[in-house]
Amino acid sequence: MERATRHSPKREAILSCIRSTDCHPSAEWVYNMLKPQIPDLSLATVYRNLARFRQDGVIRVIGSIDGQERYDGDKSPHAHFICRDCGKVADLPQVEVNPPEMAQVGRSENCSVTFYGCCNECLAKKTQN
């Protein structure tokens, strides 16, 4: 039996926080941003709501970076660049992908493209040293 989603100011604040940034935050980042405005907010509440948003397809997980899952509130088709040095996640325009023949394995529901490397800021620091 599917449970009904009740209106919750905390839930709405968490979702609004995720959707209002392009930094691809972690649960801890969301918690730290909202705690001053919502003193009784717990980190467990943030994690629970992020898991629900993910399950409902409202947000997506970019991946685990430095041991923390990072989230994206932008559901439009786009790729990501992740810096292996500093962990920065940046949006890239949609990358054209020609999916392989899927019939032998199943039906694909979505695809994500992520590039890994060194961001311009980290490259600049390396050249200064």
N, C-alpha and C. Protein backbone atom coordinates (compact mmCIF):
# COMPACT_ATOMS: atom_id res chain seq x y z
N MET A 1 0.84 -1.18 0.00
CA MET A 1 0.00 0.00 0.00
C MET A 1 0.88 1.24 0.00
N GLU A 2 0.63 2.14 -0.91
CA GLU A 2 1.43 3.35 -1.02
C GLU A 2 1.01 4.36 0.03
N ARG A 3 2.00 4.94 0.68
CA ARG A 3 1.65 5.91 1.70
C ARG A 3 1.45 7.28 1.09
N ALA A 4 0.54 8.00 1.68
CA ALA A 4 0.23 9.34 1.18
C ALA A 4 1.32 10.31 1.64
N THR A 5 1.65 11.24 0.76
CA THR A 5 2.63 12.25 1.12
C THR A 5 1.89 13.45 1.69
N ARG A 6 2.18 13.75 2.93
CA ARG A 6 1.53 14.88 3.58
C ARG A 6 2.30 16.15 3.32
N HIS A 7 1.59 17.26 3.39
CA HIS A 7 2.22 18.57 3.28
C HIS A 7 3.12 18.76 4.51
N SER A 8 4.33 19.17 4.27
CA SER A 8 5.27 19.38 5.37
C SER A 8 6.16 20.56 5.03
N PRO A 9 6.19 21.57 5.89
CA PRO A 9 7.08 22.71 5.64
C PRO A 9 8.56 22.31 5.55
N LYS A 10 8.97 21.34 6.35
CA LYS A 10 10.36 20.88 6.29
C LYS A 10 10.65 20.22 4.95
N ARG A 11 9.73 19.36 4.51
CA ARG A 11 9.90 18.68 3.22
C ARG A 11 9.99 19.70 2.09
N GLU A 12 9.11 20.68 2.12
CA GLU A 12 9.12 21.70 1.08
C GLU A 12 10.41 22.53 1.12
N ALA A 13 10.91 22.82 2.31
CA ALA A 13 12.16 23.59 2.45
C ALA A 13 13.34 22.80 1.91
N ILE A 14 13.37 21.51 2.17
CA ILE A 14 14.46 20.66 1.69
C ILE A 14 14.45 20.61 0.17
N LEU A 15 13.28 20.39 -0.42
CA LEU A 15 13.18 20.33 -1.87
C LEU A 15 13.52 21.67 -2.50
N SER A 16 13.05 22.74 -1.91
CA SER A 16 13.35 24.08 -2.42
C SER A 16 14.85 24.36 -2.36
N CYS A 17 15.50 23.92 -1.30
CA CYS A 17 16.94 24.12 -1.13
C CYS A 17 17.70 23.39 -2.24
N ILE A 18 17.32 22.15 -2.52
CA ILE A 18 17.97 21.36 -3.57
C ILE A 18 17.77 22.01 -4.93
N ARG A 19 16.54 22.45 -5.18
CA ARG A 19 16.22 23.02 -6.50
C ARG A 19 16.79 24.42 -6.70
N SER A 20 17.14 25.11 -5.64
CA SER A 20 17.59 26.50 -5.77
C SER A 20 19.10 26.65 -5.94
N THR A 21 19.81 25.55 -6.01
CA THR A 21 21.26 25.63 -6.14
C THR A 21 21.75 24.75 -7.29
N ASP A 22 22.87 25.14 -7.86
CA ASP A 22 23.47 24.29 -8.89
C ASP A 22 24.78 23.69 -8.40
N CYS A 23 24.99 23.69 -7.09
CA CYS A 23 26.25 23.15 -6.55
C CYS A 23 26.19 21.64 -6.31
N HIS A 24 25.04 21.02 -6.57
CA HIS A 24 24.89 19.57 -6.39
C HIS A 24 25.25 19.19 -4.95
N PRO A 25 24.43 19.63 -4.01
CA PRO A 25 24.77 19.50 -2.59
C PRO A 25 24.66 18.09 -2.03
N SER A 26 25.30 17.92 -0.90
CA SER A 26 25.16 16.70 -0.10
C SER A 26 24.03 16.94 0.91
N ALA A 27 23.61 15.88 1.58
CA ALA A 27 22.59 16.01 2.62
C ALA A 27 23.08 16.94 3.73
N GLU A 28 24.36 16.84 4.07
CA GLU A 28 24.91 17.68 5.12
C GLU A 28 24.87 19.16 4.73
N TRP A 29 25.14 19.45 3.46
CA TRP A 29 25.09 20.83 2.98
C TRP A 29 23.67 21.38 3.12
N VAL A 30 22.68 20.58 2.70
CA VAL A 30 21.27 20.99 2.82
C VAL A 30 20.94 21.24 4.29
N TYR A 31 21.33 20.32 5.14
CA TYR A 31 21.08 20.46 6.58
C TYR A 31 21.68 21.76 7.12
N ASN A 32 22.95 22.01 6.79
CA ASN A 32 23.62 23.21 7.29
C ASN A 32 22.99 24.49 6.75
N MET A 33 22.46 24.46 5.54
CA MET A 33 21.80 25.64 4.97
C MET A 33 20.46 25.92 5.66
N LEU A 34 19.74 24.86 6.01
CA LEU A 34 18.38 25.03 6.54
C LEU A 34 18.31 25.11 8.06
N LYS A 35 19.29 24.59 8.76
CA LYS A 35 19.26 24.53 10.23
C LYS A 35 19.04 25.90 10.88
N PRO A 36 19.69 26.99 10.40
CA PRO A 36 19.43 28.29 11.03
C PRO A 36 17.97 28.75 10.90
N GLN A 37 17.30 28.37 9.82
CA GLN A 37 15.90 28.77 9.61
C GLN A 37 14.92 27.80 10.27
N ILE A 38 15.34 26.54 10.42
CA ILE A 38 14.47 25.49 10.98
C ILE A 38 15.24 24.82 12.12
N PRO A 39 15.24 25.42 13.31
CA PRO A 39 16.06 24.91 14.41
C PRO A 39 15.81 23.46 14.81
N ASP A 40 14.58 22.96 14.62
CA ASP A 40 14.29 21.59 15.03
C ASP A 40 14.52 20.58 13.89
N LEU A 41 15.14 20.99 12.82
CA LEU A 41 15.46 20.10 11.70
C LEU A 41 16.58 19.14 12.12
N SER A 42 16.40 17.87 11.79
CA SER A 42 17.46 16.90 12.07
C SER A 42 18.07 16.42 10.75
N LEU A 43 19.30 15.96 10.84
CA LEU A 43 19.97 15.42 9.66
C LEU A 43 19.23 14.18 9.17
N ALA A 44 18.66 13.41 10.08
CA ALA A 44 17.88 12.22 9.70
C ALA A 44 16.67 12.62 8.86
N THR A 45 16.03 13.72 9.19
CA THR A 45 14.89 14.21 8.42
C THR A 45 15.32 14.58 7.01
N VAL A 46 16.48 15.21 6.88
CA VAL A 46 16.99 15.57 5.56
C VAL A 46 17.25 14.30 4.75
N TYR A 47 17.95 13.34 5.32
CA TYR A 47 18.25 12.08 4.62
C TYR A 47 16.97 11.35 4.21
N ARG A 48 16.01 11.28 5.12
CA ARG A 48 14.76 10.58 4.85
C ARG A 48 14.00 11.23 3.68
N ASN A 49 13.95 12.56 3.68
CA ASN A 49 13.24 13.26 2.61
C ASN A 49 13.99 13.17 1.28
N LEU A 50 15.31 13.25 1.30
CA LEU A 50 16.08 13.10 0.07
C LEU A 50 15.87 11.71 -0.53
N ALA A 51 15.83 10.70 0.32
CA ALA A 51 15.57 9.33 -0.16
C ALA A 51 14.18 9.24 -0.79
N ARG A 52 13.22 9.88 -0.18
CA ARG A 52 11.85 9.88 -0.73
C ARG A 52 11.79 10.62 -2.06
N PHE A 53 12.44 11.80 -2.13
CA PHE A 53 12.46 12.56 -3.38
C PHE A 53 13.11 11.74 -4.49
N ARG A 54 14.18 11.05 -4.14
CA ARG A 54 14.88 10.21 -5.12
C ARG A 54 13.98 9.08 -5.59
N GLN A 55 13.34 8.42 -4.66
CA GLN A 55 12.43 7.32 -4.97
C GLN A 55 11.27 7.80 -5.85
N ASP A 56 10.77 8.98 -5.58
CA ASP A 56 9.65 9.54 -6.34
C ASP A 56 10.09 10.15 -7.67
N GLY A 57 11.40 10.21 -7.92
CA GLY A 57 11.92 10.76 -9.17
C GLY A 57 11.91 12.27 -9.23
N VAL A 58 11.84 12.92 -8.09
CA VAL A 58 11.80 14.38 -8.02
C VAL A 58 13.20 14.98 -8.13
N ILE A 59 14.18 14.26 -7.61
CA ILE A 59 15.58 14.66 -7.70
C ILE A 59 16.36 13.44 -8.17
N ARG A 60 17.62 13.66 -8.51
CA ARG A 60 18.46 12.52 -8.85
C ARG A 60 19.79 12.61 -8.10
N VAL A 61 20.42 11.47 -7.98
CA VAL A 61 21.72 11.40 -7.32
C VAL A 61 22.78 11.41 -8.41
N ILE A 62 23.77 12.29 -8.25
CA ILE A 62 24.86 12.39 -9.20
C ILE A 62 25.87 11.27 -8.95
N GLY A 63 26.11 10.99 -7.70
CA GLY A 63 27.06 9.95 -7.32
C GLY A 63 27.63 10.26 -5.96
N SER A 64 28.50 9.40 -5.51
CA SER A 64 29.16 9.59 -4.22
C SER A 64 30.51 10.25 -4.46
N ILE A 65 30.69 11.41 -3.85
CA ILE A 65 31.93 12.17 -4.01
C ILE A 65 32.49 12.42 -2.62
N ASP A 66 33.70 11.98 -2.39
CA ASP A 66 34.33 12.07 -1.07
C ASP A 66 33.44 11.45 0.01
N GLY A 67 32.79 10.35 -0.32
CA GLY A 67 31.99 9.61 0.65
C GLY A 67 30.59 10.15 0.89
N GLN A 68 30.18 11.18 0.16
CA GLN A 68 28.85 11.75 0.34
C GLN A 68 28.08 11.74 -0.98
N GLU A 69 26.84 11.27 -0.92
CA GLU A 69 26.02 11.34 -2.11
C GLU A 69 25.72 12.79 -2.42
N ARG A 70 25.74 13.14 -3.69
CA ARG A 70 25.45 14.50 -4.15
C ARG A 70 24.19 14.48 -4.99
N TYR A 71 23.36 15.49 -4.83
CA TYR A 71 22.02 15.51 -5.41
C TYR A 71 21.88 16.62 -6.44
N ASP A 72 20.93 16.41 -7.35
CA ASP A 72 20.64 17.39 -8.39
C ASP A 72 19.13 17.56 -8.48
N GLY A 73 18.67 18.79 -8.30
CA GLY A 73 17.24 19.09 -8.41
C GLY A 73 16.82 19.40 -9.83
N ASP A 74 17.78 19.51 -10.73
CA ASP A 74 17.49 19.81 -12.14
C ASP A 74 17.32 18.49 -12.88
N LYS A 75 16.09 18.18 -13.22
CA LYS A 75 15.79 16.91 -13.89
C LYS A 75 15.87 17.01 -15.41
N SER A 76 16.19 18.19 -15.95
CA SER A 76 16.31 18.32 -17.40
C SER A 76 17.52 17.51 -17.88
N PRO A 77 17.50 17.06 -19.13
CA PRO A 77 18.63 16.27 -19.64
C PRO A 77 19.91 17.10 -19.68
N HIS A 78 20.93 16.66 -18.99
CA HIS A 78 22.24 17.30 -19.02
C HIS A 78 23.27 16.34 -18.45
N ALA A 79 24.52 16.61 -18.75
CA ALA A 79 25.63 15.80 -18.27
C ALA A 79 26.31 16.53 -17.10
N HIS A 80 27.28 15.88 -16.49
CA HIS A 80 28.02 16.47 -15.37
C HIS A 80 29.52 16.29 -15.56
N PHE A 81 30.26 17.21 -14.95
CA PHE A 81 31.71 17.11 -14.86
C PHE A 81 32.04 17.09 -13.37
N ILE A 82 32.82 16.11 -12.94
CA ILE A 82 33.22 16.01 -11.54
C ILE A 82 34.73 16.12 -11.46
N CYS A 83 35.19 17.08 -10.67
CA CYS A 83 36.63 17.27 -10.47
C CYS A 83 37.12 16.24 -9.46
N ARG A 84 38.11 15.46 -9.86
CA ARG A 84 38.67 14.44 -8.97
C ARG A 84 39.53 15.05 -7.86
N ASP A 85 39.95 16.31 -8.02
CA ASP A 85 40.78 16.94 -7.00
C ASP A 85 39.95 17.58 -5.89
N CYS A 86 38.99 18.44 -6.26
CA CYS A 86 38.24 19.19 -5.25
C CYS A 86 36.81 18.70 -5.05
N GLY A 87 36.30 17.84 -5.92
CA GLY A 87 34.96 17.31 -5.78
C GLY A 87 33.87 18.19 -6.36
N LYS A 88 34.24 19.29 -7.00
CA LYS A 88 33.26 20.17 -7.61
C LYS A 88 32.48 19.41 -8.68
N VAL A 89 31.16 19.67 -8.73
CA VAL A 89 30.30 19.08 -9.76
C VAL A 89 29.74 20.23 -10.58
N ALA A 90 29.88 20.15 -11.88
CA ALA A 90 29.38 21.21 -12.77
C ALA A 90 28.45 20.61 -13.81
N ASP A 91 27.40 21.36 -14.13
CA ASP A 91 26.48 20.94 -15.18
C ASP A 91 27.10 21.20 -16.54
N LEU A 92 26.83 20.30 -17.47
CA LEU A 92 27.24 20.45 -18.86
C LEU A 92 25.98 20.34 -19.71
N PRO A 93 26.00 20.93 -20.89
CA PRO A 93 24.85 20.75 -21.78
C PRO A 93 24.65 19.27 -22.08
N GLN A 94 23.45 18.95 -22.53
CA GLN A 94 23.16 17.56 -22.86
C GLN A 94 24.15 17.04 -23.89
N VAL A 95 24.64 15.86 -23.64
CA VAL A 95 25.58 15.20 -24.54
C VAL A 95 24.80 14.18 -25.34
N GLU A 96 24.96 14.19 -26.65
CA GLU A 96 24.26 13.23 -27.49
C GLU A 96 24.86 11.85 -27.28
N VAL A 97 24.00 10.91 -26.98
CA VAL A 97 24.43 9.54 -26.75
C VAL A 97 23.63 8.64 -27.67
N ASN A 98 24.31 7.77 -28.37
CA ASN A 98 23.65 6.76 -29.18
C ASN A 98 23.64 5.47 -28.37
N PRO A 99 22.50 5.15 -27.75
CA PRO A 99 22.47 3.98 -26.88
C PRO A 99 22.69 2.69 -27.66
N PRO A 100 23.36 1.75 -27.02
CA PRO A 100 23.58 0.46 -27.69
C PRO A 100 22.26 -0.29 -27.80
N GLU A 101 22.27 -1.32 -28.60
CA GLU A 101 21.09 -2.18 -28.71
C GLU A 101 20.83 -2.80 -27.35
N MET A 102 19.66 -2.56 -26.80
CA MET A 102 19.35 -2.99 -25.44
C MET A 102 18.51 -4.26 -25.39
N ALA A 103 18.01 -4.72 -26.54
CA ALA A 103 17.06 -5.83 -26.55
C ALA A 103 17.59 -7.07 -25.82
N GLN A 104 18.89 -7.34 -25.93
CA GLN A 104 19.42 -8.57 -25.32
C GLN A 104 19.53 -8.47 -23.79
N VAL A 105 19.50 -7.25 -23.26
CA VAL A 105 19.63 -7.12 -21.80
C VAL A 105 18.39 -6.56 -21.13
N GLY A 106 17.56 -5.84 -21.84
CA GLY A 106 16.38 -5.27 -21.22
C GLY A 106 16.02 -3.94 -21.85
N ARG A 107 15.25 -3.16 -21.14
CA ARG A 107 14.80 -1.87 -21.64
C ARG A 107 15.41 -0.76 -20.77
N SER A 108 16.09 0.16 -21.39
CA SER A 108 16.70 1.28 -20.69
C SER A 108 15.64 2.32 -20.36
N GLU A 109 15.70 2.83 -19.13
CA GLU A 109 14.75 3.86 -18.69
C GLU A 109 15.38 5.24 -18.66
N ASN A 110 16.68 5.29 -18.46
CA ASN A 110 17.37 6.58 -18.49
C ASN A 110 18.86 6.35 -18.67
N CYS A 111 19.56 7.44 -18.89
CA CYS A 111 20.99 7.38 -19.12
C CYS A 111 21.61 8.65 -18.53
N SER A 112 22.74 8.51 -17.90
CA SER A 112 23.43 9.70 -17.42
C SER A 112 24.87 9.65 -17.92
N VAL A 113 25.40 10.83 -18.21
CA VAL A 113 26.77 10.94 -18.69
C VAL A 113 27.53 11.82 -17.71
N THR A 114 28.65 11.30 -17.22
CA THR A 114 29.48 12.04 -16.27
C THR A 114 30.92 11.99 -16.74
N PHE A 115 31.54 13.15 -16.80
CA PHE A 115 32.95 13.27 -17.14
C PHE A 115 33.72 13.52 -15.86
N TYR A 116 34.89 12.92 -15.74
CA TYR A 116 35.76 13.11 -14.57
C TYR A 116 37.07 13.71 -15.03
N GLY A 117 37.63 14.56 -14.21
CA GLY A 117 38.90 15.17 -14.56
C GLY A 117 39.30 16.20 -13.53
N CYS A 118 39.99 17.22 -13.97
CA CYS A 118 40.49 18.29 -13.11
C CYS A 118 39.87 19.60 -13.58
N CYS A 119 39.18 20.31 -12.67
CA CYS A 119 38.50 21.55 -13.05
C CYS A 119 39.53 22.67 -13.30
N ASN A 120 39.08 23.73 -13.93
CA ASN A 120 39.97 24.85 -14.26
C ASN A 120 40.63 25.46 -13.03
N GLU A 121 39.88 25.56 -11.93
CA GLU A 121 40.45 26.15 -10.71
C GLU A 121 41.60 25.29 -10.17
N CYS A 122 41.40 23.99 -10.16
CA CYS A 122 42.47 23.09 -9.68
C CYS A 122 43.65 23.06 -10.64
N LEU A 123 43.37 23.13 -11.94
CA LEU A 123 44.45 23.20 -12.92
C LEU A 123 45.30 24.46 -12.71
N ALA A 124 44.62 25.58 -12.45
CA ALA A 124 45.33 26.85 -12.23
C ALA A 124 46.20 26.76 -10.98
N LYS A 125 45.71 26.14 -9.92
CA LYS A 125 46.51 25.97 -8.70
C LYS A 125 47.75 25.10 -8.96
N LYS A 126 47.58 24.07 -9.78
CA LYS A 126 48.70 23.19 -10.07
C LYS A 126 49.78 23.90 -10.89
N THR A 127 49.37 24.79 -11.79
CA THR A 127 50.36 25.49 -12.61
C THR A 127 51.07 26.59 -11.82
N GLN A 128 50.45 27.08 -10.75
CA GLN A 128 51.08 28.11 -9.91
C GLN A 128 52.15 27.52 -9.02
N ASN A 129 52.06 26.24 -8.74
CA ASN A 129 53.03 25.59 -7.83
C ASN A 129 54.26 25.13 -8.55
